Amino acid sequence: MRIISGKYKGLKLKGFDINGTRPTMDRVKESLFGMIFPYLEGSIVLDLFAGSGSLGIEALSNGAQKVYFVDNNHIPIETIKENLKNIKEDYKILNMNFTKALDSFNEKFDIIFLDPPYDKNLVSKSIEKLIQNDLLNEGAIIVCEYENEDIKTDLELIKYKKYGSKNIKIFKN
């Protein structure tokens, strides 16, 4: 697993083998970042259910202003810290449940990565909480990675791609 583009291109990341996580494969990440590239420069990003932090670090590498990494498991949190060791950008790591994290923010986001455990159906719940707590800037995008969830939201669907059993939907506020 590595950073595929930007300032930190080629940087190897740890965490492809964290139990309970599914890191986004390089080819999927490359396609995904191609879809959202126009939104990255100067953005405030939330990497919810961050796992290894791969998506948030890729955003930092491509011009995001700040990334918040949220995970409620200490093993991914330690992995994120290790992966960010040589990154000289603005970020914050939060080791807490996603609902508690979403209730704690008083900053709005431009890009949100949602890649929760597939068997929990947390994408719709996360989007609902983001909207309820008014955490989306005008024109914000939410990048959802999921397997079988029926995502319910009134946000505009702007992109959809399928990679095997993995689905990527991007919604815009």
N, C-alpha and C. Protein backbone atom coordinates (compact mmCIF):
# COMPACT_ATOMS: atom_id res chain seq x y z
N MET A 1 0.85 -1.16 0.00
CA MET A 1 0.00 0.00 0.00
C MET A 1 0.90 1.24 0.00
N ARG A 2 0.53 2.21 -0.84
CA ARG A 2 1.39 3.38 -0.98
C ARG A 2 0.55 4.60 -1.35
N ILE A 3 1.17 5.78 -1.28
CA ILE A 3 0.55 7.00 -1.77
C ILE A 3 0.74 7.00 -3.28
N ILE A 4 -0.34 7.23 -4.02
CA ILE A 4 -0.28 7.06 -5.48
C ILE A 4 -0.02 8.35 -6.25
N SER A 5 -0.19 9.52 -5.59
CA SER A 5 0.02 10.77 -6.33
C SER A 5 0.31 11.92 -5.38
N GLY A 6 0.73 13.02 -5.96
CA GLY A 6 0.96 14.23 -5.17
C GLY A 6 2.33 14.31 -4.55
N LYS A 7 2.45 15.17 -3.58
CA LYS A 7 3.70 15.50 -2.90
C LYS A 7 4.39 14.28 -2.27
N TYR A 8 3.62 13.34 -1.77
CA TYR A 8 4.19 12.17 -1.08
C TYR A 8 4.09 10.89 -1.92
N LYS A 9 3.95 11.05 -3.23
CA LYS A 9 3.82 9.90 -4.13
C LYS A 9 4.91 8.87 -3.86
N GLY A 10 4.49 7.61 -3.77
CA GLY A 10 5.42 6.51 -3.57
C GLY A 10 5.66 6.16 -2.10
N LEU A 11 5.23 7.01 -1.17
CA LEU A 11 5.42 6.72 0.25
C LEU A 11 4.68 5.45 0.62
N LYS A 12 5.40 4.50 1.21
CA LYS A 12 4.78 3.24 1.62
C LYS A 12 4.04 3.44 2.92
N LEU A 13 2.85 2.83 2.99
CA LEU A 13 2.00 2.94 4.17
C LEU A 13 1.86 1.58 4.84
N LYS A 14 1.78 1.60 6.14
CA LYS A 14 1.51 0.38 6.90
C LYS A 14 0.01 0.25 7.08
N GLY A 15 -0.42 -0.98 7.40
CA GLY A 15 -1.82 -1.17 7.77
C GLY A 15 -2.65 -1.96 6.80
N PHE A 16 -2.05 -2.55 5.78
CA PHE A 16 -2.83 -3.35 4.84
C PHE A 16 -3.34 -4.62 5.50
N ASP A 17 -2.78 -4.97 6.66
CA ASP A 17 -3.12 -6.23 7.32
C ASP A 17 -3.80 -6.04 8.67
N ILE A 18 -4.37 -4.86 8.93
CA ILE A 18 -5.06 -4.63 10.20
C ILE A 18 -6.36 -5.42 10.20
N ASN A 19 -6.52 -6.26 11.22
CA ASN A 19 -7.72 -7.09 11.34
C ASN A 19 -8.97 -6.20 11.41
N GLY A 20 -9.96 -6.52 10.58
CA GLY A 20 -11.22 -5.77 10.59
C GLY A 20 -11.23 -4.58 9.64
N THR A 21 -10.14 -4.33 8.90
CA THR A 21 -10.12 -3.23 7.94
C THR A 21 -9.93 -3.78 6.54
N ARG A 22 -10.31 -2.98 5.54
CA ARG A 22 -10.10 -3.32 4.14
C ARG A 22 -9.50 -2.11 3.46
N PRO A 23 -8.21 -2.02 3.39
CA PRO A 23 -7.61 -0.86 2.73
C PRO A 23 -8.06 -0.76 1.27
N THR A 24 -8.25 0.47 0.83
CA THR A 24 -8.64 0.71 -0.56
C THR A 24 -7.47 0.36 -1.47
N MET A 25 -7.71 -0.51 -2.43
CA MET A 25 -6.66 -0.95 -3.34
C MET A 25 -6.16 0.23 -4.16
N ASP A 26 -4.89 0.18 -4.56
CA ASP A 26 -4.28 1.30 -5.29
C ASP A 26 -5.05 1.67 -6.55
N ARG A 27 -5.51 0.69 -7.32
CA ARG A 27 -6.21 1.02 -8.58
C ARG A 27 -7.54 1.71 -8.28
N VAL A 28 -8.22 1.31 -7.20
CA VAL A 28 -9.48 1.94 -6.81
C VAL A 28 -9.20 3.35 -6.30
N LYS A 29 -8.14 3.48 -5.48
CA LYS A 29 -7.78 4.79 -4.93
C LYS A 29 -7.40 5.76 -6.06
N GLU A 30 -6.67 5.27 -7.04
CA GLU A 30 -6.27 6.11 -8.17
C GLU A 30 -7.49 6.63 -8.93
N SER A 31 -8.45 5.76 -9.18
CA SER A 31 -9.68 6.16 -9.86
C SER A 31 -10.48 7.13 -9.00
N LEU A 32 -10.61 6.82 -7.73
CA LEU A 32 -11.36 7.66 -6.80
C LEU A 32 -10.77 9.07 -6.73
N PHE A 33 -9.45 9.17 -6.60
CA PHE A 33 -8.83 10.49 -6.51
C PHE A 33 -8.87 11.23 -7.84
N GLY A 34 -8.93 10.51 -8.93
CA GLY A 34 -9.15 11.16 -10.22
C GLY A 34 -10.52 11.83 -10.26
N MET A 35 -11.52 11.19 -9.65
CA MET A 35 -12.88 11.73 -9.62
C MET A 35 -12.99 12.97 -8.73
N ILE A 36 -12.22 13.01 -7.65
CA ILE A 36 -12.40 14.11 -6.68
C ILE A 36 -11.28 15.16 -6.74
N PHE A 37 -10.33 15.00 -7.64
CA PHE A 37 -9.17 15.89 -7.70
C PHE A 37 -9.54 17.38 -7.68
N PRO A 38 -10.57 17.82 -8.43
CA PRO A 38 -10.90 19.25 -8.43
C PRO A 38 -11.33 19.79 -7.07
N TYR A 39 -11.71 18.91 -6.15
CA TYR A 39 -12.20 19.34 -4.84
C TYR A 39 -11.09 19.38 -3.77
N LEU A 40 -9.91 18.87 -4.06
CA LEU A 40 -8.88 18.66 -3.04
C LEU A 40 -8.13 19.90 -2.57
N GLU A 41 -7.71 20.75 -3.47
CA GLU A 41 -6.85 21.88 -3.11
C GLU A 41 -7.49 22.77 -2.05
N GLY A 42 -6.83 22.88 -0.90
CA GLY A 42 -7.27 23.74 0.18
C GLY A 42 -8.46 23.22 0.97
N SER A 43 -8.82 21.97 0.77
CA SER A 43 -10.01 21.41 1.42
C SER A 43 -9.76 21.01 2.88
N ILE A 44 -10.85 21.00 3.64
CA ILE A 44 -10.87 20.45 4.99
C ILE A 44 -11.53 19.09 4.86
N VAL A 45 -10.80 18.04 5.27
CA VAL A 45 -11.21 16.66 4.99
C VAL A 45 -11.46 15.90 6.29
N LEU A 46 -12.48 15.06 6.27
CA LEU A 46 -12.76 14.15 7.37
C LEU A 46 -12.63 12.73 6.84
N ASP A 47 -11.69 11.97 7.41
CA ASP A 47 -11.52 10.56 7.08
C ASP A 47 -12.13 9.77 8.24
N LEU A 48 -13.44 9.51 8.12
CA LEU A 48 -14.20 8.80 9.15
C LEU A 48 -14.00 7.31 8.94
N PHE A 49 -13.88 6.54 10.01
CA PHE A 49 -13.55 5.11 9.91
C PHE A 49 -12.22 4.98 9.17
N ALA A 50 -11.21 5.70 9.62
CA ALA A 50 -9.97 5.94 8.86
C ALA A 50 -9.11 4.70 8.61
N GLY A 51 -9.18 3.68 9.45
CA GLY A 51 -8.32 2.51 9.24
C GLY A 51 -6.86 2.89 9.26
N SER A 52 -6.15 2.67 8.17
CA SER A 52 -4.72 3.00 8.07
C SER A 52 -4.48 4.49 7.81
N GLY A 53 -5.55 5.22 7.46
CA GLY A 53 -5.41 6.63 7.12
C GLY A 53 -5.05 6.88 5.67
N SER A 54 -5.06 5.85 4.87
CA SER A 54 -4.62 5.92 3.48
C SER A 54 -5.33 7.01 2.67
N LEU A 55 -6.66 7.11 2.80
CA LEU A 55 -7.40 8.09 2.00
C LEU A 55 -7.10 9.52 2.45
N GLY A 56 -7.06 9.73 3.75
CA GLY A 56 -6.75 11.06 4.27
C GLY A 56 -5.33 11.49 3.94
N ILE A 57 -4.39 10.57 4.00
CA ILE A 57 -3.00 10.89 3.68
C ILE A 57 -2.87 11.21 2.19
N GLU A 58 -3.59 10.47 1.36
CA GLU A 58 -3.60 10.75 -0.08
C GLU A 58 -4.15 12.17 -0.32
N ALA A 59 -5.18 12.55 0.44
CA ALA A 59 -5.73 13.91 0.32
C ALA A 59 -4.69 14.95 0.70
N LEU A 60 -3.97 14.72 1.80
CA LEU A 60 -2.90 15.65 2.21
C LEU A 60 -1.84 15.76 1.12
N SER A 61 -1.50 14.64 0.53
CA SER A 61 -0.48 14.60 -0.52
C SER A 61 -0.90 15.41 -1.74
N ASN A 62 -2.22 15.56 -1.92
CA ASN A 62 -2.75 16.25 -3.11
C ASN A 62 -3.36 17.61 -2.80
N GLY A 63 -2.94 18.25 -1.71
CA GLY A 63 -3.29 19.64 -1.49
C GLY A 63 -4.37 19.95 -0.48
N ALA A 64 -4.89 18.94 0.23
CA ALA A 64 -5.86 19.23 1.28
C ALA A 64 -5.20 20.12 2.33
N GLN A 65 -5.96 21.05 2.88
CA GLN A 65 -5.43 21.96 3.90
C GLN A 65 -5.27 21.27 5.24
N LYS A 66 -6.27 20.45 5.62
CA LYS A 66 -6.23 19.75 6.90
C LYS A 66 -7.08 18.49 6.79
N VAL A 67 -6.64 17.43 7.49
CA VAL A 67 -7.40 16.19 7.53
C VAL A 67 -7.60 15.78 8.97
N TYR A 68 -8.84 15.40 9.29
CA TYR A 68 -9.18 14.80 10.57
C TYR A 68 -9.34 13.30 10.34
N PHE A 69 -8.57 12.50 11.09
CA PHE A 69 -8.64 11.05 11.01
C PHE A 69 -9.40 10.55 12.24
N VAL A 70 -10.47 9.76 12.01
CA VAL A 70 -11.28 9.24 13.12
C VAL A 70 -11.38 7.73 13.00
N ASP A 71 -11.04 7.05 14.08
CA ASP A 71 -11.23 5.61 14.19
C ASP A 71 -11.40 5.28 15.66
N ASN A 72 -12.15 4.24 15.98
CA ASN A 72 -12.38 3.91 17.38
C ASN A 72 -11.59 2.70 17.85
N ASN A 73 -10.60 2.30 17.08
CA ASN A 73 -9.77 1.15 17.42
C ASN A 73 -8.33 1.63 17.59
N HIS A 74 -7.70 1.25 18.69
CA HIS A 74 -6.34 1.75 18.97
C HIS A 74 -5.30 1.24 17.97
N ILE A 75 -5.51 0.07 17.37
CA ILE A 75 -4.52 -0.45 16.42
C ILE A 75 -4.47 0.42 15.15
N PRO A 76 -5.62 0.72 14.53
CA PRO A 76 -5.56 1.66 13.40
C PRO A 76 -5.03 3.03 13.80
N ILE A 77 -5.38 3.52 14.97
CA ILE A 77 -4.90 4.83 15.41
C ILE A 77 -3.37 4.84 15.48
N GLU A 78 -2.78 3.81 16.04
CA GLU A 78 -1.31 3.72 16.09
C GLU A 78 -0.72 3.62 14.70
N THR A 79 -1.41 2.90 13.80
CA THR A 79 -0.96 2.77 12.41
C THR A 79 -1.01 4.13 11.71
N ILE A 80 -2.08 4.87 11.92
CA ILE A 80 -2.19 6.21 11.33
C ILE A 80 -1.04 7.09 11.82
N LYS A 81 -0.77 7.06 13.11
CA LYS A 81 0.33 7.86 13.66
C LYS A 81 1.65 7.48 13.00
N GLU A 82 1.88 6.19 12.83
CA GLU A 82 3.11 5.72 12.18
C GLU A 82 3.17 6.19 10.72
N ASN A 83 2.03 6.09 10.02
CA ASN A 83 1.99 6.49 8.60
C ASN A 83 2.17 8.00 8.42
N LEU A 84 1.80 8.77 9.43
CA LEU A 84 1.92 10.23 9.35
C LEU A 84 3.26 10.76 9.88
N LYS A 85 4.10 9.86 10.34
CA LYS A 85 5.36 10.24 10.98
C LYS A 85 6.19 11.21 10.14
N ASN A 86 6.22 11.03 8.84
CA ASN A 86 7.04 11.88 7.96
C ASN A 86 6.22 12.87 7.14
N ILE A 87 4.96 13.04 7.50
CA ILE A 87 4.07 13.96 6.79
C ILE A 87 4.07 15.29 7.54
N LYS A 88 4.41 16.34 6.85
CA LYS A 88 4.52 17.67 7.47
C LYS A 88 3.34 18.55 7.09
N GLU A 89 2.14 18.02 7.24
CA GLU A 89 0.92 18.75 6.91
C GLU A 89 0.07 18.88 8.16
N ASP A 90 -1.06 19.58 8.05
CA ASP A 90 -1.95 19.81 9.18
C ASP A 90 -2.96 18.67 9.28
N TYR A 91 -3.00 18.00 10.42
CA TYR A 91 -3.95 16.92 10.63
C TYR A 91 -4.23 16.76 12.12
N LYS A 92 -5.30 16.05 12.41
CA LYS A 92 -5.66 15.72 13.78
C LYS A 92 -6.19 14.30 13.79
N ILE A 93 -5.77 13.52 14.79
CA ILE A 93 -6.19 12.13 14.92
C ILE A 93 -7.10 12.01 16.13
N LEU A 94 -8.28 11.42 15.93
CA LEU A 94 -9.24 11.24 17.01
C LEU A 94 -9.56 9.76 17.19
N ASN A 95 -9.30 9.25 18.39
CA ASN A 95 -9.59 7.86 18.71
C ASN A 95 -10.93 7.83 19.43
N MET A 96 -12.01 7.74 18.65
CA MET A 96 -13.35 7.72 19.24
C MET A 96 -14.37 7.18 18.26
N ASN A 97 -15.51 6.82 18.80
CA ASN A 97 -16.65 6.36 18.03
C ASN A 97 -17.08 7.45 17.05
N PHE A 98 -17.55 7.07 15.87
CA PHE A 98 -17.89 8.06 14.84
C PHE A 98 -18.99 9.01 15.27
N THR A 99 -19.99 8.55 16.01
CA THR A 99 -21.07 9.46 16.42
C THR A 99 -20.56 10.48 17.43
N LYS A 100 -19.73 10.04 18.34
CA LYS A 100 -19.14 10.96 19.32
C LYS A 100 -18.26 11.99 18.60
N ALA A 101 -17.49 11.52 17.63
CA ALA A 101 -16.63 12.43 16.86
C ALA A 101 -17.49 13.46 16.11
N LEU A 102 -18.54 13.00 15.43
CA LEU A 102 -19.38 13.92 14.67
C LEU A 102 -20.10 14.92 15.58
N ASP A 103 -20.38 14.52 16.81
CA ASP A 103 -20.99 15.44 17.77
C ASP A 103 -19.98 16.44 18.34
N SER A 104 -18.69 16.13 18.21
CA SER A 104 -17.65 16.99 18.82
C SER A 104 -17.13 18.09 17.89
N PHE A 105 -17.38 17.98 16.59
CA PHE A 105 -16.82 18.95 15.65
C PHE A 105 -17.57 20.27 15.64
N ASN A 106 -16.82 21.38 15.55
CA ASN A 106 -17.43 22.67 15.26
C ASN A 106 -16.80 23.26 14.01
N GLU A 107 -16.25 22.42 13.18
CA GLU A 107 -15.69 22.83 11.89
C GLU A 107 -16.48 22.10 10.81
N LYS A 108 -16.67 22.77 9.66
CA LYS A 108 -17.36 22.15 8.54
C LYS A 108 -16.33 21.56 7.58
N PHE A 109 -16.76 20.57 6.82
CA PHE A 109 -15.86 19.83 5.94
C PHE A 109 -16.22 20.02 4.47
N ASP A 110 -15.17 19.90 3.63
CA ASP A 110 -15.33 19.97 2.18
C ASP A 110 -15.39 18.58 1.56
N ILE A 111 -14.64 17.64 2.15
CA ILE A 111 -14.60 16.26 1.65
C ILE A 111 -14.70 15.34 2.86
N ILE A 112 -15.59 14.34 2.76
CA ILE A 112 -15.71 13.34 3.81
C ILE A 112 -15.55 11.97 3.17
N PHE A 113 -14.64 11.17 3.71
CA PHE A 113 -14.47 9.79 3.28
C PHE A 113 -15.21 8.90 4.27
N LEU A 114 -16.16 8.10 3.77
CA LEU A 114 -16.90 7.15 4.60
C LEU A 114 -16.61 5.75 4.09
N ASP A 115 -15.87 5.00 4.86
CA ASP A 115 -15.54 3.62 4.51
C ASP A 115 -15.68 2.77 5.76
N PRO A 116 -16.94 2.66 6.29
CA PRO A 116 -17.14 1.91 7.53
C PRO A 116 -17.09 0.40 7.29
N PRO A 117 -17.06 -0.37 8.38
CA PRO A 117 -17.16 -1.83 8.21
C PRO A 117 -18.40 -2.16 7.37
N TYR A 118 -18.24 -3.02 6.39
CA TYR A 118 -19.32 -3.29 5.43
C TYR A 118 -20.56 -3.89 6.08
N ASP A 119 -20.42 -4.66 7.11
CA ASP A 119 -21.56 -5.39 7.67
C ASP A 119 -22.37 -4.57 8.68
N LYS A 120 -22.07 -3.29 8.85
CA LYS A 120 -22.73 -2.48 9.88
C LYS A 120 -23.76 -1.49 9.33
N ASN A 121 -23.81 -1.29 8.01
CA ASN A 121 -24.75 -0.34 7.40
C ASN A 121 -24.67 1.04 8.05
N LEU A 122 -23.48 1.62 8.08
CA LEU A 122 -23.25 2.89 8.76
C LEU A 122 -23.12 4.09 7.82
N VAL A 123 -23.15 3.88 6.52
CA VAL A 123 -22.99 4.99 5.59
C VAL A 123 -24.16 5.97 5.70
N SER A 124 -25.39 5.48 5.58
CA SER A 124 -26.56 6.36 5.68
C SER A 124 -26.63 7.05 7.03
N LYS A 125 -26.35 6.32 8.09
CA LYS A 125 -26.37 6.89 9.44
C LYS A 125 -25.33 8.01 9.57
N SER A 126 -24.16 7.80 8.99
CA SER A 126 -23.10 8.81 9.04
C SER A 126 -23.49 10.06 8.27
N ILE A 127 -24.05 9.87 7.07
CA ILE A 127 -24.48 11.02 6.26
C ILE A 127 -25.56 11.80 7.00
N GLU A 128 -26.52 11.08 7.57
CA GLU A 128 -27.60 11.73 8.32
C GLU A 128 -27.03 12.57 9.47
N LYS A 129 -26.06 12.03 10.18
CA LYS A 129 -25.44 12.73 11.31
C LYS A 129 -24.65 13.95 10.83
N LEU A 130 -23.95 13.84 9.71
CA LEU A 130 -23.22 14.98 9.13
C LEU A 130 -24.17 16.13 8.80
N ILE A 131 -25.30 15.79 8.22
CA ILE A 131 -26.29 16.80 7.85
C ILE A 131 -26.95 17.38 9.10
N GLN A 132 -27.36 16.51 10.00
CA GLN A 132 -28.02 16.93 11.25
C GLN A 132 -27.14 17.90 12.04
N ASN A 133 -25.83 17.65 12.07
CA ASN A 133 -24.90 18.48 12.84
C ASN A 133 -24.35 19.65 12.03
N ASP A 134 -24.85 19.84 10.80
CA ASP A 134 -24.44 20.95 9.93
C ASP A 134 -22.91 21.00 9.75
N LEU A 135 -22.35 19.86 9.34
CA LEU A 135 -20.90 19.73 9.21
C LEU A 135 -20.41 19.81 7.76
N LEU A 136 -21.31 20.09 6.82
CA LEU A 136 -20.94 20.12 5.41
C LEU A 136 -20.89 21.56 4.89
N ASN A 137 -19.74 21.93 4.33
CA ASN A 137 -19.65 23.21 3.63
C ASN A 137 -20.50 23.15 2.37
N GLU A 138 -20.88 24.29 1.85
CA GLU A 138 -21.61 24.35 0.58
C GLU A 138 -20.74 23.69 -0.50
N GLY A 139 -21.32 22.77 -1.25
CA GLY A 139 -20.58 22.07 -2.30
C GLY A 139 -19.71 20.93 -1.80
N ALA A 140 -19.82 20.59 -0.51
CA ALA A 140 -19.02 19.49 0.04
C ALA A 140 -19.37 18.18 -0.65
N ILE A 141 -18.39 17.28 -0.71
CA ILE A 141 -18.63 15.95 -1.27
C ILE A 141 -18.41 14.89 -0.20
N ILE A 142 -19.19 13.82 -0.31
CA ILE A 142 -19.06 12.67 0.58
C ILE A 142 -18.74 11.47 -0.29
N VAL A 143 -17.59 10.87 -0.04
CA VAL A 143 -17.13 9.71 -0.80
C VAL A 143 -17.45 8.46 0.02
N CYS A 144 -18.34 7.62 -0.49
CA CYS A 144 -18.80 6.44 0.24
C CYS A 144 -18.26 5.18 -0.42
N GLU A 145 -17.63 4.35 0.38
CA GLU A 145 -17.13 3.06 -0.09
C GLU A 145 -17.89 2.00 0.69
N TYR A 146 -18.59 1.11 -0.02
CA TYR A 146 -19.46 0.15 0.65
C TYR A 146 -19.64 -1.08 -0.24
N GLU A 147 -20.31 -2.08 0.34
CA GLU A 147 -20.55 -3.29 -0.42
C GLU A 147 -22.03 -3.44 -0.80
N ASN A 148 -22.92 -3.58 0.17
CA ASN A 148 -24.33 -3.86 -0.14
C ASN A 148 -25.32 -2.87 0.45
N GLU A 149 -24.89 -1.87 1.13
CA GLU A 149 -25.81 -0.96 1.82
C GLU A 149 -26.69 -0.18 0.84
N ASP A 150 -27.95 -0.03 1.21
CA ASP A 150 -28.88 0.82 0.46
C ASP A 150 -28.78 2.21 1.07
N ILE A 151 -28.03 3.09 0.43
CA ILE A 151 -27.75 4.42 0.99
C ILE A 151 -28.96 5.33 0.76
N LYS A 152 -29.44 5.89 1.87
CA LYS A 152 -30.59 6.79 1.80
C LYS A 152 -30.13 8.21 2.15
N THR A 153 -30.25 9.12 1.18
CA THR A 153 -29.92 10.52 1.39
C THR A 153 -30.58 11.36 0.30
N ASP A 154 -30.82 12.61 0.63
CA ASP A 154 -31.35 13.55 -0.36
C ASP A 154 -30.24 14.29 -1.09
N LEU A 155 -28.97 14.03 -0.72
CA LEU A 155 -27.85 14.68 -1.40
C LEU A 155 -27.78 14.21 -2.84
N GLU A 156 -27.19 15.04 -3.69
CA GLU A 156 -27.07 14.73 -5.12
C GLU A 156 -25.96 13.71 -5.37
N LEU A 157 -26.30 12.62 -6.03
CA LEU A 157 -25.31 11.62 -6.43
C LEU A 157 -24.61 12.15 -7.68
N ILE A 158 -23.27 12.36 -7.59
CA ILE A 158 -22.56 12.91 -8.75
C ILE A 158 -21.67 11.88 -9.44
N LYS A 159 -21.31 10.79 -8.75
CA LYS A 159 -20.49 9.73 -9.37
C LYS A 159 -20.84 8.39 -8.73
N TYR A 160 -20.76 7.35 -9.57
CA TYR A 160 -20.92 5.98 -9.07
C TYR A 160 -20.01 5.07 -9.87
N LYS A 161 -19.24 4.25 -9.17
CA LYS A 161 -18.37 3.26 -9.81
C LYS A 161 -18.45 1.97 -9.02
N LYS A 162 -18.33 0.86 -9.70
CA LYS A 162 -18.32 -0.46 -9.06
C LYS A 162 -17.00 -1.15 -9.39
N TYR A 163 -16.37 -1.71 -8.37
CA TYR A 163 -15.11 -2.44 -8.51
C TYR A 163 -15.31 -3.81 -7.85
N GLY A 164 -15.68 -4.81 -8.62
CA GLY A 164 -15.98 -6.12 -8.04
C GLY A 164 -17.18 -5.98 -7.10
N SER A 165 -17.00 -6.37 -5.84
CA SER A 165 -18.09 -6.24 -4.86
C SER A 165 -18.10 -4.88 -4.17
N LYS A 166 -17.10 -4.05 -4.45
CA LYS A 166 -16.96 -2.74 -3.82
C LYS A 166 -17.64 -1.67 -4.67
N ASN A 167 -18.40 -0.80 -4.01
CA ASN A 167 -19.07 0.31 -4.68
C ASN A 167 -18.52 1.63 -4.15
N ILE A 168 -18.41 2.59 -5.04
CA ILE A 168 -18.03 3.95 -4.66
C ILE A 168 -19.14 4.88 -5.15
N LYS A 169 -19.72 5.62 -4.22
CA LYS A 169 -20.70 6.66 -4.57
C LYS A 169 -20.18 7.98 -4.00
N ILE A 170 -20.29 9.02 -4.82
CA ILE A 170 -19.89 10.35 -4.37
C ILE A 170 -21.13 11.25 -4.42
N PHE A 171 -21.45 11.81 -3.27
CA PHE A 171 -22.60 12.70 -3.13
C PHE A 171 -22.11 14.12 -2.93
N LYS A 172 -22.92 15.08 -3.39
CA LYS A 172 -22.56 16.50 -3.24
C LYS A 172 -23.66 17.22 -2.48
N ASN A 173 -23.21 18.08 -1.58
CA ASN A 173 -24.13 18.89 -0.78
C ASN A 173 -24.65 20.05 -1.62
